[in-house]
Amino acid sequence: MEPWRTEMLDQKRLEGLMRGFIAFEIPIDRIEGKAKLGQNKSAEDQDAVSAAIGTLW
C-alpha cells in the first residue's frame, strides 16, 4: 500500500484541511515512565512489535 501524501489531494481540499490545524505548546515540568515488557504476550508478538518499532527509527 502506498503511503498517504498531501499531493494526493486537490489543492482546495488540502487548504480546507490546513485551516483546521491549531498550533500549541505545552511546557513539560517532569516526565514519568513506566516499563511494561509485554509479559502477557507471546514471544512472537513481542518480536513483531520490536520489529515494527525498529522501522520507525
PDB file of N, CA and C in Angstrom:
ATOM      1  N   MET A   1       0.845  -1.176   0.000  1.00  0.00           N
ATOM      2  CA  MET A   1       0.000   0.000   0.000  1.00  0.00           C
ATOM      3  C   MET A   1       0.895   1.246   0.000  1.00  0.00           C
ATOM      4  N   GLU A   2       0.569   2.180  -0.832  1.00  0.00           N
ATOM      5  CA  GLU A   2       1.352   3.417  -0.948  1.00  0.00           C
ATOM      6  C   GLU A   2       1.033   4.359   0.217  1.00  0.00           C
ATOM      7  N   PRO A   3       2.052   4.963   0.837  1.00  0.00           N
ATOM      8  CA  PRO A   3       1.787   5.913   1.923  1.00  0.00           C
ATOM      9  C   PRO A   3       0.975   7.111   1.445  1.00  0.00           C
ATOM     10  N   TRP A   4       0.164   7.657   2.338  1.00  0.00           N
ATOM     11  CA  TRP A   4      -0.648   8.821   2.017  1.00  0.00           C
ATOM     12  C   TRP A   4       0.245  10.054   1.939  1.00  0.00           C
ATOM     13  N   ARG A   5       0.015  10.891   0.929  1.00  0.00           N
ATOM     14  CA  ARG A   5       0.780  12.133   0.770  1.00  0.00           C
ATOM     15  C   ARG A   5      -0.184  13.266   0.430  1.00  0.00           C
ATOM     16  N   THR A   6       0.202  14.477   0.798  1.00  0.00           N
ATOM     17  CA  THR A   6      -0.659  15.631   0.530  1.00  0.00           C
ATOM     18  C   THR A   6      -0.847  15.852  -0.963  1.00  0.00           C
ATOM     19  N   GLU A   7       0.101  15.413  -1.772  1.00  0.00           N
ATOM     20  CA  GLU A   7      -0.034  15.583  -3.220  1.00  0.00           C
ATOM     21  C   GLU A   7      -1.212  14.794  -3.791  1.00  0.00           C
ATOM     22  N   MET A   8      -1.748  13.863  -3.010  1.00  0.00           N
ATOM     23  CA  MET A   8      -2.876  13.054  -3.471  1.00  0.00           C
ATOM     24  C   MET A   8      -4.199  13.822  -3.400  1.00  0.00           C
ATOM     25  N   LEU A   9      -4.230  14.940  -2.688  1.00  0.00           N
ATOM     26  CA  LEU A   9      -5.449  15.741  -2.560  1.00  0.00           C
ATOM     27  C   LEU A   9      -5.433  16.893  -3.541  1.00  0.00           C
ATOM     28  N   ASP A  10      -6.616  17.318  -3.949  1.00  0.00           N
ATOM     29  CA  ASP A  10      -6.638  18.533  -4.758  1.00  0.00           C
ATOM     30  C   ASP A  10      -6.359  19.725  -3.833  1.00  0.00           C
ATOM     31  N   GLN A  11      -5.865  20.798  -4.386  1.00  0.00           N
ATOM     32  CA  GLN A  11      -5.392  21.945  -3.603  1.00  0.00           C
ATOM     33  C   GLN A  11      -6.488  22.542  -2.721  1.00  0.00           C
ATOM     34  N   LYS A  12      -7.699  22.621  -3.219  1.00  0.00           N
ATOM     35  CA  LYS A  12      -8.794  23.205  -2.442  1.00  0.00           C
ATOM     36  C   LYS A  12      -9.093  22.365  -1.188  1.00  0.00           C
ATOM     37  N   ARG A  13      -9.095  21.059  -1.328  1.00  0.00           N
ATOM     38  CA  ARG A  13      -9.343  20.171  -0.185  1.00  0.00           C
ATOM     39  C   ARG A  13      -8.213  20.293   0.838  1.00  0.00           C
ATOM     40  N   LEU A  14      -6.986  20.343   0.359  1.00  0.00           N
ATOM     41  CA  LEU A  14      -5.842  20.476   1.250  1.00  0.00           C
ATOM     42  C   LEU A  14      -5.893  21.791   2.021  1.00  0.00           C
ATOM     43  N   GLU A  15      -6.227  22.871   1.366  1.00  0.00           N
ATOM     44  CA  GLU A  15      -6.335  24.171   2.037  1.00  0.00           C
ATOM     45  C   GLU A  15      -7.415  24.135   3.114  1.00  0.00           C
ATOM     46  N   GLY A  16      -8.514  23.454   2.845  1.00  0.00           N
ATOM     47  CA  GLY A  16      -9.577  23.326   3.837  1.00  0.00           C
ATOM     48  C   GLY A  16      -9.113  22.556   5.065  1.00  0.00           C
ATOM     49  N   LEU A  17      -8.371  21.487   4.842  1.00  0.00           N
ATOM     50  CA  LEU A  17      -7.849  20.709   5.964  1.00  0.00           C
ATOM     51  C   LEU A  17      -6.831  21.512   6.764  1.00  0.00           C
ATOM     52  N   MET A  18      -5.995  22.270   6.092  1.00  0.00           N
ATOM     53  CA  MET A  18      -4.951  23.040   6.766  1.00  0.00           C
ATOM     54  C   MET A  18      -5.538  24.108   7.684  1.00  0.00           C
ATOM     55  N   ARG A  19      -6.719  24.631   7.360  1.00  0.00           N
ATOM     56  CA  ARG A  19      -7.352  25.626   8.226  1.00  0.00           C
ATOM     57  C   ARG A  19      -7.769  25.027   9.567  1.00  0.00           C
ATOM     58  N   GLY A  20      -7.867  23.692   9.626  1.00  0.00           N
ATOM     59  CA  GLY A  20      -8.260  23.025  10.860  1.00  0.00           C
ATOM     60  C   GLY A  20      -7.116  22.784  11.827  1.00  0.00           C
ATOM     61  N   PHE A  21      -5.881  23.026  11.407  1.00  0.00           N
ATOM     62  CA  PHE A  21      -4.740  22.818  12.288  1.00  0.00           C
ATOM     63  C   PHE A  21      -4.599  23.975  13.273  1.00  0.00           C
ATOM     64  N   ILE A  22      -4.292  23.641  14.507  1.00  0.00           N
ATOM     65  CA  ILE A  22      -4.056  24.645  15.540  1.00  0.00           C
ATOM     66  C   ILE A  22      -2.727  24.300  16.208  1.00  0.00           C
ATOM     67  N   ALA A  23      -1.803  25.243  16.208  1.00  0.00           N
ATOM     68  CA  ALA A  23      -0.500  25.024  16.843  1.00  0.00           C
ATOM     69  C   ALA A  23      -0.570  25.427  18.306  1.00  0.00           C
ATOM     70  N   PHE A  24       0.115  24.658  19.152  1.00  0.00           N
ATOM     71  CA  PHE A  24       0.173  24.994  20.572  1.00  0.00           C
ATOM     72  C   PHE A  24       1.425  24.385  21.179  1.00  0.00           C
ATOM     73  N   GLU A  25       1.801  24.879  22.343  1.00  0.00           N
ATOM     74  CA  GLU A  25       2.930  24.360  23.095  1.00  0.00           C
ATOM     75  C   GLU A  25       2.458  23.977  24.488  1.00  0.00           C
ATOM     76  N   ILE A  26       3.068  22.948  25.021  1.00  0.00           N
ATOM     77  CA  ILE A  26       2.778  22.533  26.397  1.00  0.00           C
ATOM     78  C   ILE A  26       4.107  22.471  27.134  1.00  0.00           C
ATOM     79  N   PRO A  27       4.279  23.295  28.170  1.00  0.00           N
ATOM     80  CA  PRO A  27       5.521  23.196  28.939  1.00  0.00           C
ATOM     81  C   PRO A  27       5.551  21.880  29.718  1.00  0.00           C
ATOM     82  N   ILE A  28       6.716  21.257  29.771  1.00  0.00           N
ATOM     83  CA  ILE A  28       6.880  19.985  30.469  1.00  0.00           C
ATOM     84  C   ILE A  28       7.704  20.223  31.724  1.00  0.00           C
ATOM     85  N   ASP A  29       7.118  19.918  32.870  1.00  0.00           N
ATOM     86  CA  ASP A  29       7.806  20.069  34.150  1.00  0.00           C
ATOM     87  C   ASP A  29       8.538  18.801  34.557  1.00  0.00           C
ATOM     88  N   ARG A  30       7.968  17.654  34.196  1.00  0.00           N
ATOM     89  CA  ARG A  30       8.606  16.384  34.518  1.00  0.00           C
ATOM     90  C   ARG A  30       8.094  15.305  33.565  1.00  0.00           C
ATOM     91  N   ILE A  31       8.865  14.251  33.462  1.00  0.00           N
ATOM     92  CA  ILE A  31       8.485  13.100  32.643  1.00  0.00           C
ATOM     93  C   ILE A  31       8.558  11.864  33.521  1.00  0.00           C
ATOM     94  N   GLU A  32       7.501  11.087  33.499  1.00  0.00           N
ATOM     95  CA  GLU A  32       7.474   9.829  34.235  1.00  0.00           C
ATOM     96  C   GLU A  32       7.304   8.704  33.231  1.00  0.00           C
ATOM     97  N   GLY A  33       7.984   7.617  33.479  1.00  0.00           N
ATOM     98  CA  GLY A  33       7.889   6.476  32.579  1.00  0.00           C
ATOM     99  C   GLY A  33       7.423   5.230  33.302  1.00  0.00           C
ATOM    100  N   LYS A  34       6.933   4.304  32.520  1.00  0.00           N
ATOM    101  CA  LYS A  34       6.508   3.029  33.072  1.00  0.00           C
ATOM    102  C   LYS A  34       6.969   1.950  32.102  1.00  0.00           C
ATOM    103  N   ALA A  35       7.573   0.925  32.633  1.00  0.00           N
ATOM    104  CA  ALA A  35       8.028  -0.177  31.791  1.00  0.00           C
ATOM    105  C   ALA A  35       7.049  -1.343  31.899  1.00  0.00           C
ATOM    106  N   LYS A  36       6.537  -1.746  30.780  1.00  0.00           N
ATOM    107  CA  LYS A  36       5.716  -2.951  30.715  1.00  0.00           C
ATOM    108  C   LYS A  36       6.293  -3.741  29.559  1.00  0.00           C
ATOM    109  N   LEU A  37       6.910  -4.810  29.876  1.00  0.00           N
ATOM    110  CA  LEU A  37       7.685  -5.538  28.880  1.00  0.00           C
ATOM    111  C   LEU A  37       6.882  -6.602  28.141  1.00  0.00           C
ATOM    112  N   GLY A  38       5.580  -6.488  28.164  1.00  0.00           N
ATOM    113  CA  GLY A  38       4.757  -7.428  27.409  1.00  0.00           C
ATOM    114  C   GLY A  38       4.773  -8.828  27.997  1.00  0.00           C
ATOM    115  N   GLN A  39       4.831  -8.920  29.319  1.00  0.00           N
ATOM    116  CA  GLN A  39       4.932 -10.222  29.943  1.00  0.00           C
ATOM    117  C   GLN A  39       3.710 -11.100  29.691  1.00  0.00           C
ATOM    118  N   ASN A  40       2.612 -10.507  29.281  1.00  0.00           N
ATOM    119  CA  ASN A  40       1.421 -11.301  28.989  1.00  0.00           C
ATOM    120  C   ASN A  40       1.260 -11.561  27.487  1.00  0.00           C
ATOM    121  N   LYS A  41       2.302 -11.297  26.700  1.00  0.00           N
ATOM    122  CA  LYS A  41       2.264 -11.508  25.254  1.00  0.00           C
ATOM    123  C   LYS A  41       3.228 -12.618  24.870  1.00  0.00           C
ATOM    124  N   SER A  42       2.928 -13.266  23.763  1.00  0.00           N
ATOM    125  CA  SER A  42       3.808 -14.338  23.295  1.00  0.00           C
ATOM    126  C   SER A  42       5.118 -13.752  22.766  1.00  0.00           C
ATOM    127  N   ALA A  43       6.127 -14.585  22.682  1.00  0.00           N
ATOM    128  CA  ALA A  43       7.423 -14.153  22.154  1.00  0.00           C
ATOM    129  C   ALA A  43       7.277 -13.661  20.713  1.00  0.00           C
ATOM    130  N   GLU A  44       6.398 -14.291  19.945  1.00  0.00           N
ATOM    131  CA  GLU A  44       6.167 -13.863  18.560  1.00  0.00           C
ATOM    132  C   GLU A  44       5.585 -12.454  18.507  1.00  0.00           C
ATOM    133  N   ASP A  45       4.608 -12.173  19.388  1.00  0.00           N
ATOM    134  CA  ASP A  45       4.026 -10.831  19.439  1.00  0.00           C
ATOM    135  C   ASP A  45       5.067  -9.793  19.842  1.00  0.00           C
ATOM    136  N   GLN A  46       5.893 -10.127  20.835  1.00  0.00           N
ATOM    137  CA  GLN A  46       6.934  -9.206  21.284  1.00  0.00           C
ATOM    138  C   GLN A  46       7.929  -8.930  20.158  1.00  0.00           C
ATOM    139  N   ASP A  47       8.317  -9.958  19.416  1.00  0.00           N
ATOM    140  CA  ASP A  47       9.247  -9.793  18.306  1.00  0.00           C
ATOM    141  C   ASP A  47       8.636  -8.929  17.203  1.00  0.00           C
ATOM    142  N   ALA A  48       7.347  -9.115  16.935  1.00  0.00           N
ATOM    143  CA  ALA A  48       6.668  -8.337  15.900  1.00  0.00           C
ATOM    144  C   ALA A  48       6.626  -6.854  16.272  1.00  0.00           C
ATOM    145  N   VAL A  49       6.339  -6.551  17.528  1.00  0.00           N
ATOM    146  CA  VAL A  49       6.313  -5.168  17.985  1.00  0.00           C
ATOM    147  C   VAL A  49       7.710  -4.559  17.897  1.00  0.00           C
ATOM    148  N   SER A  50       8.699  -5.306  18.344  1.00  0.00           N
ATOM    149  CA  SER A  50      10.081  -4.830  18.282  1.00  0.00           C
ATOM    150  C   SER A  50      10.485  -4.524  16.843  1.00  0.00           C
ATOM    151  N   ALA A  51      10.120  -5.380  15.919  1.00  0.00           N
ATOM    152  CA  ALA A  51      10.445  -5.158  14.507  1.00  0.00           C
ATOM    153  C   ALA A  51       9.721  -3.937  13.964  1.00  0.00           C
ATOM    154  N   ALA A  52       8.447  -3.775  14.339  1.00  0.00           N
ATOM    155  CA  ALA A  52       7.668  -2.624  13.847  1.00  0.00           C
ATOM    156  C   ALA A  52       8.250  -1.320  14.386  1.00  0.00           C
ATOM    157  N   ILE A  53       8.622  -1.290  15.640  1.00  0.00           N
ATOM    158  CA  ILE A  53       9.207  -0.085  16.223  1.00  0.00           C
ATOM    159  C   ILE A  53      10.541   0.232  15.553  1.00  0.00           C
ATOM    160  N   GLY A  54      11.298  -0.802  15.246  1.00  0.00           N
ATOM    161  CA  GLY A  54      12.585  -0.614  14.587  1.00  0.00           C
ATOM    162  C   GLY A  54      12.467   0.073  13.243  1.00  0.00           C
ATOM    163  N   THR A  55      11.343  -0.118  12.537  1.00  0.00           N
ATOM    164  CA  THR A  55      11.159   0.527  11.231  1.00  0.00           C
ATOM    165  C   THR A  55      10.853   2.007  11.371  1.00  0.00           C
ATOM    166  N   LEU A  56      10.476   2.452  12.563  1.00  0.00           N
ATOM    167  CA  LEU A  56      10.144   3.866  12.776  1.00  0.00           C
ATOM    168  C   LEU A  56      11.390   4.716  12.938  1.00  0.00           C
ATOM    169  N   TRP A  57      12.495   4.119  13.336  1.00  0.00           N
ATOM    170  CA  TRP A  57      13.705   4.877  13.613  1.00  0.00           C
ATOM    171  C   TRP A  57      14.569   4.784  12.433  1.00  0.00           C
TER     172      TRP A  57
END
